[in-house]
């Protein structure tokens, strides 16, 4: 176990590569 995740960040893009949502 090299480390433990302490933050998840994500951005959702549509088929036109435009941001349509985020998660943290």
PDBML (XML) file of the C-alpha atoms, coordinates in Angstrom:
<?xml version="1.0" encoding="UTF-8" ?>
<PDBx:datablock datablockName="MODEL"
   xmlns:PDBx="http://pdbml.pdb.org/schema/pdbx-v50.xsd"
   xmlns:xsi="http://www.w3.org/2001/XMLSchema-instance"
   xsi:schemaLocation="http://pdbml.pdb.org/schema/pdbx-v50.xsd pdbx-v50.xsd">
   <PDBx:atom_siteCategory>
      <PDBx:atom_site id="1">
         <PDBx:B_iso_or_equiv>0.00</PDBx:B_iso_or_equiv>
         <PDBx:Cartn_x>0.000</PDBx:Cartn_x>
         <PDBx:Cartn_y>0.000</PDBx:Cartn_y>
         <PDBx:Cartn_z>0.000</PDBx:Cartn_z>
         <PDBx:auth_asym_id>A</PDBx:auth_asym_id>
         <PDBx:auth_atom_id>CA</PDBx:auth_atom_id>
         <PDBx:auth_comp_id>UNK</PDBx:auth_comp_id>
         <PDBx:auth_seq_id>1</PDBx:auth_seq_id>
         <PDBx:group_PDB>ATOM</PDBx:group_PDB>
         <PDBx:label_alt_id xsi:nil="true" />
         <PDBx:label_asym_id>A</PDBx:label_asym_id>
         <PDBx:label_atom_id>CA</PDBx:label_atom_id>
         <PDBx:label_comp_id>UNK</PDBx:label_comp_id>
         <PDBx:label_entity_id>1</PDBx:label_entity_id>
         <PDBx:label_seq_id>1</PDBx:label_seq_id>
         <PDBx:occupancy>1.00</PDBx:occupancy>
         <PDBx:pdbx_PDB_model_num>1</PDBx:pdbx_PDB_model_num>
         <PDBx:type_symbol>C</PDBx:type_symbol>
      </PDBx:atom_site>
      <PDBx:atom_site id="2">
         <PDBx:B_iso_or_equiv>0.00</PDBx:B_iso_or_equiv>
         <PDBx:Cartn_x>1.942</PDBx:Cartn_x>
         <PDBx:Cartn_y>2.988</PDBx:Cartn_y>
         <PDBx:Cartn_z>-1.308</PDBx:Cartn_z>
         <PDBx:auth_asym_id>A</PDBx:auth_asym_id>
         <PDBx:auth_atom_id>CA</PDBx:auth_atom_id>
         <PDBx:auth_comp_id>UNK</PDBx:auth_comp_id>
         <PDBx:auth_seq_id>2</PDBx:auth_seq_id>
         <PDBx:group_PDB>ATOM</PDBx:group_PDB>
         <PDBx:label_alt_id xsi:nil="true" />
         <PDBx:label_asym_id>A</PDBx:label_asym_id>
         <PDBx:label_atom_id>CA</PDBx:label_atom_id>
         <PDBx:label_comp_id>UNK</PDBx:label_comp_id>
         <PDBx:label_entity_id>1</PDBx:label_entity_id>
         <PDBx:label_seq_id>2</PDBx:label_seq_id>
         <PDBx:occupancy>1.00</PDBx:occupancy>
         <PDBx:pdbx_PDB_model_num>1</PDBx:pdbx_PDB_model_num>
         <PDBx:type_symbol>C</PDBx:type_symbol>
      </PDBx:atom_site>
      <PDBx:atom_site id="3">
         <PDBx:B_iso_or_equiv>0.00</PDBx:B_iso_or_equiv>
         <PDBx:Cartn_x>-0.474</PDBx:Cartn_x>
         <PDBx:Cartn_y>5.598</PDBx:Cartn_y>
         <PDBx:Cartn_z>0.003</PDBx:Cartn_z>
         <PDBx:auth_asym_id>A</PDBx:auth_asym_id>
         <PDBx:auth_atom_id>CA</PDBx:auth_atom_id>
         <PDBx:auth_comp_id>UNK</PDBx:auth_comp_id>
         <PDBx:auth_seq_id>3</PDBx:auth_seq_id>
         <PDBx:group_PDB>ATOM</PDBx:group_PDB>
         <PDBx:label_alt_id xsi:nil="true" />
         <PDBx:label_asym_id>A</PDBx:label_asym_id>
         <PDBx:label_atom_id>CA</PDBx:label_atom_id>
         <PDBx:label_comp_id>UNK</PDBx:label_comp_id>
         <PDBx:label_entity_id>1</PDBx:label_entity_id>
         <PDBx:label_seq_id>3</PDBx:label_seq_id>
         <PDBx:occupancy>1.00</PDBx:occupancy>
         <PDBx:pdbx_PDB_model_num>1</PDBx:pdbx_PDB_model_num>
         <PDBx:type_symbol>C</PDBx:type_symbol>
      </PDBx:atom_site>
      <PDBx:atom_site id="4">
         <PDBx:B_iso_or_equiv>0.00</PDBx:B_iso_or_equiv>
         <PDBx:Cartn_x>-4.108</PDBx:Cartn_x>
         <PDBx:Cartn_y>6.307</PDBx:Cartn_y>
         <PDBx:Cartn_z>0.816</PDBx:Cartn_z>
         <PDBx:auth_asym_id>A</PDBx:auth_asym_id>
         <PDBx:auth_atom_id>CA</PDBx:auth_atom_id>
         <PDBx:auth_comp_id>UNK</PDBx:auth_comp_id>
         <PDBx:auth_seq_id>4</PDBx:auth_seq_id>
         <PDBx:group_PDB>ATOM</PDBx:group_PDB>
         <PDBx:label_alt_id xsi:nil="true" />
         <PDBx:label_asym_id>A</PDBx:label_asym_id>
         <PDBx:label_atom_id>CA</PDBx:label_atom_id>
         <PDBx:label_comp_id>UNK</PDBx:label_comp_id>
         <PDBx:label_entity_id>1</PDBx:label_entity_id>
         <PDBx:label_seq_id>4</PDBx:label_seq_id>
         <PDBx:occupancy>1.00</PDBx:occupancy>
         <PDBx:pdbx_PDB_model_num>1</PDBx:pdbx_PDB_model_num>
         <PDBx:type_symbol>C</PDBx:type_symbol>
      </PDBx:atom_site>
      <PDBx:atom_site id="5">
         <PDBx:B_iso_or_equiv>0.00</PDBx:B_iso_or_equiv>
         <PDBx:Cartn_x>-6.346</PDBx:Cartn_x>
         <PDBx:Cartn_y>8.519</PDBx:Cartn_y>
         <PDBx:Cartn_z>-1.295</PDBx:Cartn_z>
         <PDBx:auth_asym_id>A</PDBx:auth_asym_id>
         <PDBx:auth_atom_id>CA</PDBx:auth_atom_id>
         <PDBx:auth_comp_id>UNK</PDBx:auth_comp_id>
         <PDBx:auth_seq_id>5</PDBx:auth_seq_id>
         <PDBx:group_PDB>ATOM</PDBx:group_PDB>
         <PDBx:label_alt_id xsi:nil="true" />
         <PDBx:label_asym_id>A</PDBx:label_asym_id>
         <PDBx:label_atom_id>CA</PDBx:label_atom_id>
         <PDBx:label_comp_id>UNK</PDBx:label_comp_id>
         <PDBx:label_entity_id>1</PDBx:label_entity_id>
         <PDBx:label_seq_id>5</PDBx:label_seq_id>
         <PDBx:occupancy>1.00</PDBx:occupancy>
         <PDBx:pdbx_PDB_model_num>1</PDBx:pdbx_PDB_model_num>
         <PDBx:type_symbol>C</PDBx:type_symbol>
      </PDBx:atom_site>
      <PDBx:atom_site id="6">
         <PDBx:B_iso_or_equiv>0.00</PDBx:B_iso_or_equiv>
         <PDBx:Cartn_x>-7.408</PDBx:Cartn_x>
         <PDBx:Cartn_y>11.661</PDBx:Cartn_y>
         <PDBx:Cartn_z>0.563</PDBx:Cartn_z>
         <PDBx:auth_asym_id>A</PDBx:auth_asym_id>
         <PDBx:auth_atom_id>CA</PDBx:auth_atom_id>
         <PDBx:auth_comp_id>UNK</PDBx:auth_comp_id>
         <PDBx:auth_seq_id>6</PDBx:auth_seq_id>
         <PDBx:group_PDB>ATOM</PDBx:group_PDB>
         <PDBx:label_alt_id xsi:nil="true" />
         <PDBx:label_asym_id>A</PDBx:label_asym_id>
         <PDBx:label_atom_id>CA</PDBx:label_atom_id>
         <PDBx:label_comp_id>UNK</PDBx:label_comp_id>
         <PDBx:label_entity_id>1</PDBx:label_entity_id>
         <PDBx:label_seq_id>6</PDBx:label_seq_id>
         <PDBx:occupancy>1.00</PDBx:occupancy>
         <PDBx:pdbx_PDB_model_num>1</PDBx:pdbx_PDB_model_num>
         <PDBx:type_symbol>C</PDBx:type_symbol>
      </PDBx:atom_site>
      <PDBx:atom_site id="7">
         <PDBx:B_iso_or_equiv>0.00</PDBx:B_iso_or_equiv>
         <PDBx:Cartn_x>-9.027</PDBx:Cartn_x>
         <PDBx:Cartn_y>13.661</PDBx:Cartn_y>
         <PDBx:Cartn_z>-2.270</PDBx:Cartn_z>
         <PDBx:auth_asym_id>A</PDBx:auth_asym_id>
         <PDBx:auth_atom_id>CA</PDBx:auth_atom_id>
         <PDBx:auth_comp_id>UNK</PDBx:auth_comp_id>
         <PDBx:auth_seq_id>7</PDBx:auth_seq_id>
         <PDBx:group_PDB>ATOM</PDBx:group_PDB>
         <PDBx:label_alt_id xsi:nil="true" />
         <PDBx:label_asym_id>A</PDBx:label_asym_id>
         <PDBx:label_atom_id>CA</PDBx:label_atom_id>
         <PDBx:label_comp_id>UNK</PDBx:label_comp_id>
         <PDBx:label_entity_id>1</PDBx:label_entity_id>
         <PDBx:label_seq_id>7</PDBx:label_seq_id>
         <PDBx:occupancy>1.00</PDBx:occupancy>
         <PDBx:pdbx_PDB_model_num>1</PDBx:pdbx_PDB_model_num>
         <PDBx:type_symbol>C</PDBx:type_symbol>
      </PDBx:atom_site>
      <PDBx:atom_site id="8">
         <PDBx:B_iso_or_equiv>0.00</PDBx:B_iso_or_equiv>
         <PDBx:Cartn_x>-10.884</PDBx:Cartn_x>
         <PDBx:Cartn_y>12.779</PDBx:Cartn_y>
         <PDBx:Cartn_z>-5.456</PDBx:Cartn_z>
         <PDBx:auth_asym_id>A</PDBx:auth_asym_id>
         <PDBx:auth_atom_id>CA</PDBx:auth_atom_id>
         <PDBx:auth_comp_id>UNK</PDBx:auth_comp_id>
         <PDBx:auth_seq_id>8</PDBx:auth_seq_id>
         <PDBx:group_PDB>ATOM</PDBx:group_PDB>
         <PDBx:label_alt_id xsi:nil="true" />
         <PDBx:label_asym_id>A</PDBx:label_asym_id>
         <PDBx:label_atom_id>CA</PDBx:label_atom_id>
         <PDBx:label_comp_id>UNK</PDBx:label_comp_id>
         <PDBx:label_entity_id>1</PDBx:label_entity_id>
         <PDBx:label_seq_id>8</PDBx:label_seq_id>
         <PDBx:occupancy>1.00</PDBx:occupancy>
         <PDBx:pdbx_PDB_model_num>1</PDBx:pdbx_PDB_model_num>
         <PDBx:type_symbol>C</PDBx:type_symbol>
      </PDBx:atom_site>
      <PDBx:atom_site id="9">
         <PDBx:B_iso_or_equiv>0.00</PDBx:B_iso_or_equiv>
         <PDBx:Cartn_x>-11.490</PDBx:Cartn_x>
         <PDBx:Cartn_y>15.436</PDBx:Cartn_y>
         <PDBx:Cartn_z>-8.087</PDBx:Cartn_z>
         <PDBx:auth_asym_id>A</PDBx:auth_asym_id>
         <PDBx:auth_atom_id>CA</PDBx:auth_atom_id>
         <PDBx:auth_comp_id>UNK</PDBx:auth_comp_id>
         <PDBx:auth_seq_id>9</PDBx:auth_seq_id>
         <PDBx:group_PDB>ATOM</PDBx:group_PDB>
         <PDBx:label_alt_id xsi:nil="true" />
         <PDBx:label_asym_id>A</PDBx:label_asym_id>
         <PDBx:label_atom_id>CA</PDBx:label_atom_id>
         <PDBx:label_comp_id>UNK</PDBx:label_comp_id>
         <PDBx:label_entity_id>1</PDBx:label_entity_id>
         <PDBx:label_seq_id>9</PDBx:label_seq_id>
         <PDBx:occupancy>1.00</PDBx:occupancy>
         <PDBx:pdbx_PDB_model_num>1</PDBx:pdbx_PDB_model_num>
         <PDBx:type_symbol>C</PDBx:type_symbol>
      </PDBx:atom_site>
      <PDBx:atom_site id="10">
         <PDBx:B_iso_or_equiv>0.00</PDBx:B_iso_or_equiv>
         <PDBx:Cartn_x>-13.203</PDBx:Cartn_x>
         <PDBx:Cartn_y>14.980</PDBx:Cartn_y>
         <PDBx:Cartn_z>-11.437</PDBx:Cartn_z>
         <PDBx:auth_asym_id>A</PDBx:auth_asym_id>
         <PDBx:auth_atom_id>CA</PDBx:auth_atom_id>
         <PDBx:auth_comp_id>UNK</PDBx:auth_comp_id>
         <PDBx:auth_seq_id>10</PDBx:auth_seq_id>
         <PDBx:group_PDB>ATOM</PDBx:group_PDB>
         <PDBx:label_alt_id xsi:nil="true" />
         <PDBx:label_asym_id>A</PDBx:label_asym_id>
         <PDBx:label_atom_id>CA</PDBx:label_atom_id>
         <PDBx:label_comp_id>UNK</PDBx:label_comp_id>
         <PDBx:label_entity_id>1</PDBx:label_entity_id>
         <PDBx:label_seq_id>10</PDBx:label_seq_id>
         <PDBx:occupancy>1.00</PDBx:occupancy>
         <PDBx:pdbx_PDB_model_num>1</PDBx:pdbx_PDB_model_num>
         <PDBx:type_symbol>C</PDBx:type_symbol>
      </PDBx:atom_site>
      <PDBx:atom_site id="11">
         <PDBx:B_iso_or_equiv>0.00</PDBx:B_iso_or_equiv>
         <PDBx:Cartn_x>-14.700</PDBx:Cartn_x>
         <PDBx:Cartn_y>16.988</PDBx:Cartn_y>
         <PDBx:Cartn_z>-14.292</PDBx:Cartn_z>
         <PDBx:auth_asym_id>A</PDBx:auth_asym_id>
         <PDBx:auth_atom_id>CA</PDBx:auth_atom_id>
         <PDBx:auth_comp_id>UNK</PDBx:auth_comp_id>
         <PDBx:auth_seq_id>11</PDBx:auth_seq_id>
         <PDBx:group_PDB>ATOM</PDBx:group_PDB>
         <PDBx:label_alt_id xsi:nil="true" />
         <PDBx:label_asym_id>A</PDBx:label_asym_id>
         <PDBx:label_atom_id>CA</PDBx:label_atom_id>
         <PDBx:label_comp_id>UNK</PDBx:label_comp_id>
         <PDBx:label_entity_id>1</PDBx:label_entity_id>
         <PDBx:label_seq_id>11</PDBx:label_seq_id>
         <PDBx:occupancy>1.00</PDBx:occupancy>
         <PDBx:pdbx_PDB_model_num>1</PDBx:pdbx_PDB_model_num>
         <PDBx:type_symbol>C</PDBx:type_symbol>
      </PDBx:atom_site>
      <PDBx:atom_site id="12">
         <PDBx:B_iso_or_equiv>0.00</PDBx:B_iso_or_equiv>
         <PDBx:Cartn_x>-17.293</PDBx:Cartn_x>
         <PDBx:Cartn_y>15.539</PDBx:Cartn_y>
         <PDBx:Cartn_z>-16.679</PDBx:Cartn_z>
         <PDBx:auth_asym_id>A</PDBx:auth_asym_id>
         <PDBx:auth_atom_id>CA</PDBx:auth_atom_id>
         <PDBx:auth_comp_id>UNK</PDBx:auth_comp_id>
         <PDBx:auth_seq_id>12</PDBx:auth_seq_id>
         <PDBx:group_PDB>ATOM</PDBx:group_PDB>
         <PDBx:label_alt_id xsi:nil="true" />
         <PDBx:label_asym_id>A</PDBx:label_asym_id>
         <PDBx:label_atom_id>CA</PDBx:label_atom_id>
         <PDBx:label_comp_id>UNK</PDBx:label_comp_id>
         <PDBx:label_entity_id>1</PDBx:label_entity_id>
         <PDBx:label_seq_id>12</PDBx:label_seq_id>
         <PDBx:occupancy>1.00</PDBx:occupancy>
         <PDBx:pdbx_PDB_model_num>1</PDBx:pdbx_PDB_model_num>
         <PDBx:type_symbol>C</PDBx:type_symbol>
      </PDBx:atom_site>
      <PDBx:atom_site id="13">
         <PDBx:B_iso_or_equiv>0.00</PDBx:B_iso_or_equiv>
         <PDBx:Cartn_x>-17.128</PDBx:Cartn_x>
         <PDBx:Cartn_y>16.517</PDBx:Cartn_y>
         <PDBx:Cartn_z>-20.371</PDBx:Cartn_z>
         <PDBx:auth_asym_id>A</PDBx:auth_asym_id>
         <PDBx:auth_atom_id>CA</PDBx:auth_atom_id>
         <PDBx:auth_comp_id>UNK</PDBx:auth_comp_id>
         <PDBx:auth_seq_id>13</PDBx:auth_seq_id>
         <PDBx:group_PDB>ATOM</PDBx:group_PDB>
         <PDBx:label_alt_id xsi:nil="true" />
         <PDBx:label_asym_id>A</PDBx:label_asym_id>
         <PDBx:label_atom_id>CA</PDBx:label_atom_id>
         <PDBx:label_comp_id>UNK</PDBx:label_comp_id>
         <PDBx:label_entity_id>1</PDBx:label_entity_id>
         <PDBx:label_seq_id>13</PDBx:label_seq_id>
         <PDBx:occupancy>1.00</PDBx:occupancy>
         <PDBx:pdbx_PDB_model_num>1</PDBx:pdbx_PDB_model_num>
         <PDBx:type_symbol>C</PDBx:type_symbol>
      </PDBx:atom_site>
      <PDBx:atom_site id="14">
         <PDBx:B_iso_or_equiv>0.00</PDBx:B_iso_or_equiv>
         <PDBx:Cartn_x>-19.830</PDBx:Cartn_x>
         <PDBx:Cartn_y>15.995</PDBx:Cartn_y>
         <PDBx:Cartn_z>-22.990</PDBx:Cartn_z>
         <PDBx:auth_asym_id>A</PDBx:auth_asym_id>
         <PDBx:auth_atom_id>CA</PDBx:auth_atom_id>
         <PDBx:auth_comp_id>UNK</PDBx:auth_comp_id>
         <PDBx:auth_seq_id>14</PDBx:auth_seq_id>
         <PDBx:group_PDB>ATOM</PDBx:group_PDB>
         <PDBx:label_alt_id xsi:nil="true" />
         <PDBx:label_asym_id>A</PDBx:label_asym_id>
         <PDBx:label_atom_id>CA</PDBx:label_atom_id>
         <PDBx:label_comp_id>UNK</PDBx:label_comp_id>
         <PDBx:label_entity_id>1</PDBx:label_entity_id>
         <PDBx:label_seq_id>14</PDBx:label_seq_id>
         <PDBx:occupancy>1.00</PDBx:occupancy>
         <PDBx:pdbx_PDB_model_num>1</PDBx:pdbx_PDB_model_num>
         <PDBx:type_symbol>C</PDBx:type_symbol>
      </PDBx:atom_site>
      <PDBx:atom_site id="15">
         <PDBx:B_iso_or_equiv>0.00</PDBx:B_iso_or_equiv>
         <PDBx:Cartn_x>-19.296</PDBx:Cartn_x>
         <PDBx:Cartn_y>14.688</PDBx:Cartn_y>
         <PDBx:Cartn_z>-26.536</PDBx:Cartn_z>
         <PDBx:auth_asym_id>A</PDBx:auth_asym_id>
         <PDBx:auth_atom_id>CA</PDBx:auth_atom_id>
         <PDBx:auth_comp_id>UNK</PDBx:auth_comp_id>
         <PDBx:auth_seq_id>15</PDBx:auth_seq_id>
         <PDBx:group_PDB>ATOM</PDBx:group_PDB>
         <PDBx:label_alt_id xsi:nil="true" />
         <PDBx:label_asym_id>A</PDBx:label_asym_id>
         <PDBx:label_atom_id>CA</PDBx:label_atom_id>
         <PDBx:label_comp_id>UNK</PDBx:label_comp_id>
         <PDBx:label_entity_id>1</PDBx:label_entity_id>
         <PDBx:label_seq_id>15</PDBx:label_seq_id>
         <PDBx:occupancy>1.00</PDBx:occupancy>
         <PDBx:pdbx_PDB_model_num>1</PDBx:pdbx_PDB_model_num>
         <PDBx:type_symbol>C</PDBx:type_symbol>
      </PDBx:atom_site>
      <PDBx:atom_site id="16">
         <PDBx:B_iso_or_equiv>0.00</PDBx:B_iso_or_equiv>
         <PDBx:Cartn_x>-18.187</PDBx:Cartn_x>
         <PDBx:Cartn_y>18.178</PDBx:Cartn_y>
         <PDBx:Cartn_z>-27.591</PDBx:Cartn_z>
         <PDBx:auth_asym_id>A</PDBx:auth_asym_id>
         <PDBx:auth_atom_id>CA</PDBx:auth_atom_id>
         <PDBx:auth_comp_id>UNK</PDBx:auth_comp_id>
         <PDBx:auth_seq_id>16</PDBx:auth_seq_id>
         <PDBx:group_PDB>ATOM</PDBx:group_PDB>
         <PDBx:label_alt_id xsi:nil="true" />
         <PDBx:label_asym_id>A</PDBx:label_asym_id>
         <PDBx:label_atom_id>CA</PDBx:label_atom_id>
         <PDBx:label_comp_id>UNK</PDBx:label_comp_id>
         <PDBx:label_entity_id>1</PDBx:label_entity_id>
         <PDBx:label_seq_id>16</PDBx:label_seq_id>
         <PDBx:occupancy>1.00</PDBx:occupancy>
         <PDBx:pdbx_PDB_model_num>1</PDBx:pdbx_PDB_model_num>
         <PDBx:type_symbol>C</PDBx:type_symbol>
      </PDBx:atom_site>
      <PDBx:atom_site id="17">
         <PDBx:B_iso_or_equiv>0.00</PDBx:B_iso_or_equiv>
         <PDBx:Cartn_x>-15.558</PDBx:Cartn_x>
         <PDBx:Cartn_y>18.216</PDBx:Cartn_y>
         <PDBx:Cartn_z>-24.827</PDBx:Cartn_z>
         <PDBx:auth_asym_id>A</PDBx:auth_asym_id>
         <PDBx:auth_atom_id>CA</PDBx:auth_atom_id>
         <PDBx:auth_comp_id>UNK</PDBx:auth_comp_id>
         <PDBx:auth_seq_id>17</PDBx:auth_seq_id>
         <PDBx:group_PDB>ATOM</PDBx:group_PDB>
         <PDBx:label_alt_id xsi:nil="true" />
         <PDBx:label_asym_id>A</PDBx:label_asym_id>
         <PDBx:label_atom_id>CA</PDBx:label_atom_id>
         <PDBx:label_comp_id>UNK</PDBx:label_comp_id>
         <PDBx:label_entity_id>1</PDBx:label_entity_id>
         <PDBx:label_seq_id>17</PDBx:label_seq_id>
         <PDBx:occupancy>1.00</PDBx:occupancy>
         <PDBx:pdbx_PDB_model_num>1</PDBx:pdbx_PDB_model_num>
         <PDBx:type_symbol>C</PDBx:type_symbol>
      </PDBx:atom_site>
      <PDBx:atom_site id="18">
         <PDBx:B_iso_or_equiv>0.00</PDBx:B_iso_or_equiv>
         <PDBx:Cartn_x>-17.433</PDBx:Cartn_x>
         <PDBx:Cartn_y>20.892</PDBx:Cartn_y>
         <PDBx:Cartn_z>-22.906</PDBx:Cartn_z>
         <PDBx:auth_asym_id>A</PDBx:auth_asym_id>
         <PDBx:auth_atom_id>CA</PDBx:auth_atom_id>
         <PDBx:auth_comp_id>UNK</PDBx:auth_comp_id>
         <PDBx:auth_seq_id>18</PDBx:auth_seq_id>
         <PDBx:group_PDB>ATOM</PDBx:group_PDB>
         <PDBx:label_alt_id xsi:nil="true" />
         <PDBx:label_asym_id>A</PDBx:label_asym_id>
         <PDBx:label_atom_id>CA</PDBx:label_atom_id>
         <PDBx:label_comp_id>UNK</PDBx:label_comp_id>
         <PDBx:label_entity_id>1</PDBx:label_entity_id>
         <PDBx:label_seq_id>18</PDBx:label_seq_id>
         <PDBx:occupancy>1.00</PDBx:occupancy>
         <PDBx:pdbx_PDB_model_num>1</PDBx:pdbx_PDB_model_num>
         <PDBx:type_symbol>C</PDBx:type_symbol>
      </PDBx:atom_site>
      <PDBx:atom_site id="19">
         <PDBx:B_iso_or_equiv>0.00</PDBx:B_iso_or_equiv>
         <PDBx:Cartn_x>-17.562</PDBx:Cartn_x>
         <PDBx:Cartn_y>20.708</PDBx:Cartn_y>
         <PDBx:Cartn_z>-19.056</PDBx:Cartn_z>
         <PDBx:auth_asym_id>A</PDBx:auth_asym_id>
         <PDBx:auth_atom_id>CA</PDBx:auth_atom_id>
         <PDBx:auth_comp_id>UNK</PDBx:auth_comp_id>
         <PDBx:auth_seq_id>19</PDBx:auth_seq_id>
         <PDBx:group_PDB>ATOM</PDBx:group_PDB>
         <PDBx:label_alt_id xsi:nil="true" />
         <PDBx:label_asym_id>A</PDBx:label_asym_id>
         <PDBx:label_atom_id>CA</PDBx:label_atom_id>
         <PDBx:label_comp_id>UNK</PDBx:label_comp_id>
         <PDBx:label_entity_id>1</PDBx:label_entity_id>
         <PDBx:label_seq_id>19</PDBx:label_seq_id>
         <PDBx:occupancy>1.00</PDBx:occupancy>
         <PDBx:pdbx_PDB_model_num>1</PDBx:pdbx_PDB_model_num>
         <PDBx:type_symbol>C</PDBx:type_symbol>
      </PDBx:atom_site>
      <PDBx:atom_site id="20">
         <PDBx:B_iso_or_equiv>0.00</PDBx:B_iso_or_equiv>
         <PDBx:Cartn_x>-20.990</PDBx:Cartn_x>
         <PDBx:Cartn_y>19.641</PDBx:Cartn_y>
         <PDBx:Cartn_z>-17.800</PDBx:Cartn_z>
         <PDBx:auth_asym_id>A</PDBx:auth_asym_id>
         <PDBx:auth_atom_id>CA</PDBx:auth_atom_id>
         <PDBx:auth_comp_id>UNK</PDBx:auth_comp_id>
         <PDBx:auth_seq_id>20</PDBx:auth_seq_id>
         <PDBx:group_PDB>ATOM</PDBx:group_PDB>
         <PDBx:label_alt_id xsi:nil="true" />
         <PDBx:label_asym_id>A</PDBx:label_asym_id>
         <PDBx:label_atom_id>CA</PDBx:label_atom_id>
         <PDBx:label_comp_id>UNK</PDBx:label_comp_id>
         <PDBx:label_entity_id>1</PDBx:label_entity_id>
         <PDBx:label_seq_id>20</PDBx:label_seq_id>
         <PDBx:occupancy>1.00</PDBx:occupancy>
         <PDBx:pdbx_PDB_model_num>1</PDBx:pdbx_PDB_model_num>
         <PDBx:type_symbol>C</PDBx:type_symbol>
      </PDBx:atom_site>
      <PDBx:atom_site id="21">
         <PDBx:B_iso_or_equiv>0.00</PDBx:B_iso_or_equiv>
         <PDBx:Cartn_x>-20.311</PDBx:Cartn_x>
         <PDBx:Cartn_y>18.674</PDBx:Cartn_y>
         <PDBx:Cartn_z>-14.187</PDBx:Cartn_z>
         <PDBx:auth_asym_id>A</PDBx:auth_asym_id>
         <PDBx:auth_atom_id>CA</PDBx:auth_atom_id>
         <PDBx:auth_comp_id>UNK</PDBx:auth_comp_id>
         <PDBx:auth_seq_id>21</PDBx:auth_seq_id>
         <PDBx:group_PDB>ATOM</PDBx:group_PDB>
         <PDBx:label_alt_id xsi:nil="true" />
         <PDBx:label_asym_id>A</PDBx:label_asym_id>
         <PDBx:label_atom_id>CA</PDBx:label_atom_id>
         <PDBx:label_comp_id>UNK</PDBx:label_comp_id>
         <PDBx:label_entity_id>1</PDBx:label_entity_id>
         <PDBx:label_seq_id>21</PDBx:label_seq_id>
         <PDBx:occupancy>1.00</PDBx:occupancy>
         <PDBx:pdbx_PDB_model_num>1</PDBx:pdbx_PDB_model_num>
         <PDBx:type_symbol>C</PDBx:type_symbol>
      </PDBx:atom_site>
      <PDBx:atom_site id="22">
         <PDBx:B_iso_or_equiv>0.00</PDBx:B_iso_or_equiv>
         <PDBx:Cartn_x>-17.687</PDBx:Cartn_x>
         <PDBx:Cartn_y>18.359</PDBx:Cartn_y>
         <PDBx:Cartn_z>-11.467</PDBx:Cartn_z>
         <PDBx:auth_asym_id>A</PDBx:auth_asym_id>
         <PDBx:auth_atom_id>CA</PDBx:auth_atom_id>
         <PDBx:auth_comp_id>UNK</PDBx:auth_comp_id>
         <PDBx:auth_seq_id>22</PDBx:auth_seq_id>
         <PDBx:group_PDB>ATOM</PDBx:group_PDB>
         <PDBx:label_alt_id xsi:nil="true" />
         <PDBx:label_asym_id>A</PDBx:label_asym_id>
         <PDBx:label_atom_id>CA</PDBx:label_atom_id>
         <PDBx:label_comp_id>UNK</PDBx:label_comp_id>
         <PDBx:label_entity_id>1</PDBx:label_entity_id>
         <PDBx:label_seq_id>22</PDBx:label_seq_id>
         <PDBx:occupancy>1.00</PDBx:occupancy>
         <PDBx:pdbx_PDB_model_num>1</PDBx:pdbx_PDB_model_num>
         <PDBx:type_symbol>C</PDBx:type_symbol>
      </PDBx:atom_site>
      <PDBx:atom_site id="23">
         <PDBx:B_iso_or_equiv>0.00</PDBx:B_iso_or_equiv>
         <PDBx:Cartn_x>-17.059</PDBx:Cartn_x>
         <PDBx:Cartn_y>16.243</PDBx:Cartn_y>
         <PDBx:Cartn_z>-8.405</PDBx:Cartn_z>
         <PDBx:auth_asym_id>A</PDBx:auth_asym_id>
         <PDBx:auth_atom_id>CA</PDBx:auth_atom_id>
         <PDBx:auth_comp_id>UNK</PDBx:auth_comp_id>
         <PDBx:auth_seq_id>23</PDBx:auth_seq_id>
         <PDBx:group_PDB>ATOM</PDBx:group_PDB>
         <PDBx:label_alt_id xsi:nil="true" />
         <PDBx:label_asym_id>A</PDBx:label_asym_id>
         <PDBx:label_atom_id>CA</PDBx:label_atom_id>
         <PDBx:label_comp_id>UNK</PDBx:label_comp_id>
         <PDBx:label_entity_id>1</PDBx:label_entity_id>
         <PDBx:label_seq_id>23</PDBx:label_seq_id>
         <PDBx:occupancy>1.00</PDBx:occupancy>
         <PDBx:pdbx_PDB_model_num>1</PDBx:pdbx_PDB_model_num>
         <PDBx:type_symbol>C</PDBx:type_symbol>
      </PDBx:atom_site>
      <PDBx:atom_site id="24">
         <PDBx:B_iso_or_equiv>0.00</PDBx:B_iso_or_equiv>
         <PDBx:Cartn_x>-14.810</PDBx:Cartn_x>
         <PDBx:Cartn_y>16.680</PDBx:Cartn_y>
         <PDBx:Cartn_z>-5.355</PDBx:Cartn_z>
         <PDBx:auth_asym_id>A</PDBx:auth_asym_id>
         <PDBx:auth_atom_id>CA</PDBx:auth_atom_id>
         <PDBx:auth_comp_id>UNK</PDBx:auth_comp_id>
         <PDBx:auth_seq_id>24</PDBx:auth_seq_id>
         <PDBx:group_PDB>ATOM</PDBx:group_PDB>
         <PDBx:label_alt_id xsi:nil="true" />
         <PDBx:label_asym_id>A</PDBx:label_asym_id>
         <PDBx:label_atom_id>CA</PDBx:label_atom_id>
         <PDBx:label_comp_id>UNK</PDBx:label_comp_id>
         <PDBx:label_entity_id>1</PDBx:label_entity_id>
         <PDBx:label_seq_id>24</PDBx:label_seq_id>
         <PDBx:occupancy>1.00</PDBx:occupancy>
         <PDBx:pdbx_PDB_model_num>1</PDBx:pdbx_PDB_model_num>
         <PDBx:type_symbol>C</PDBx:type_symbol>
      </PDBx:atom_site>
   </PDBx:atom_siteCategory>
</PDBx:datablock>
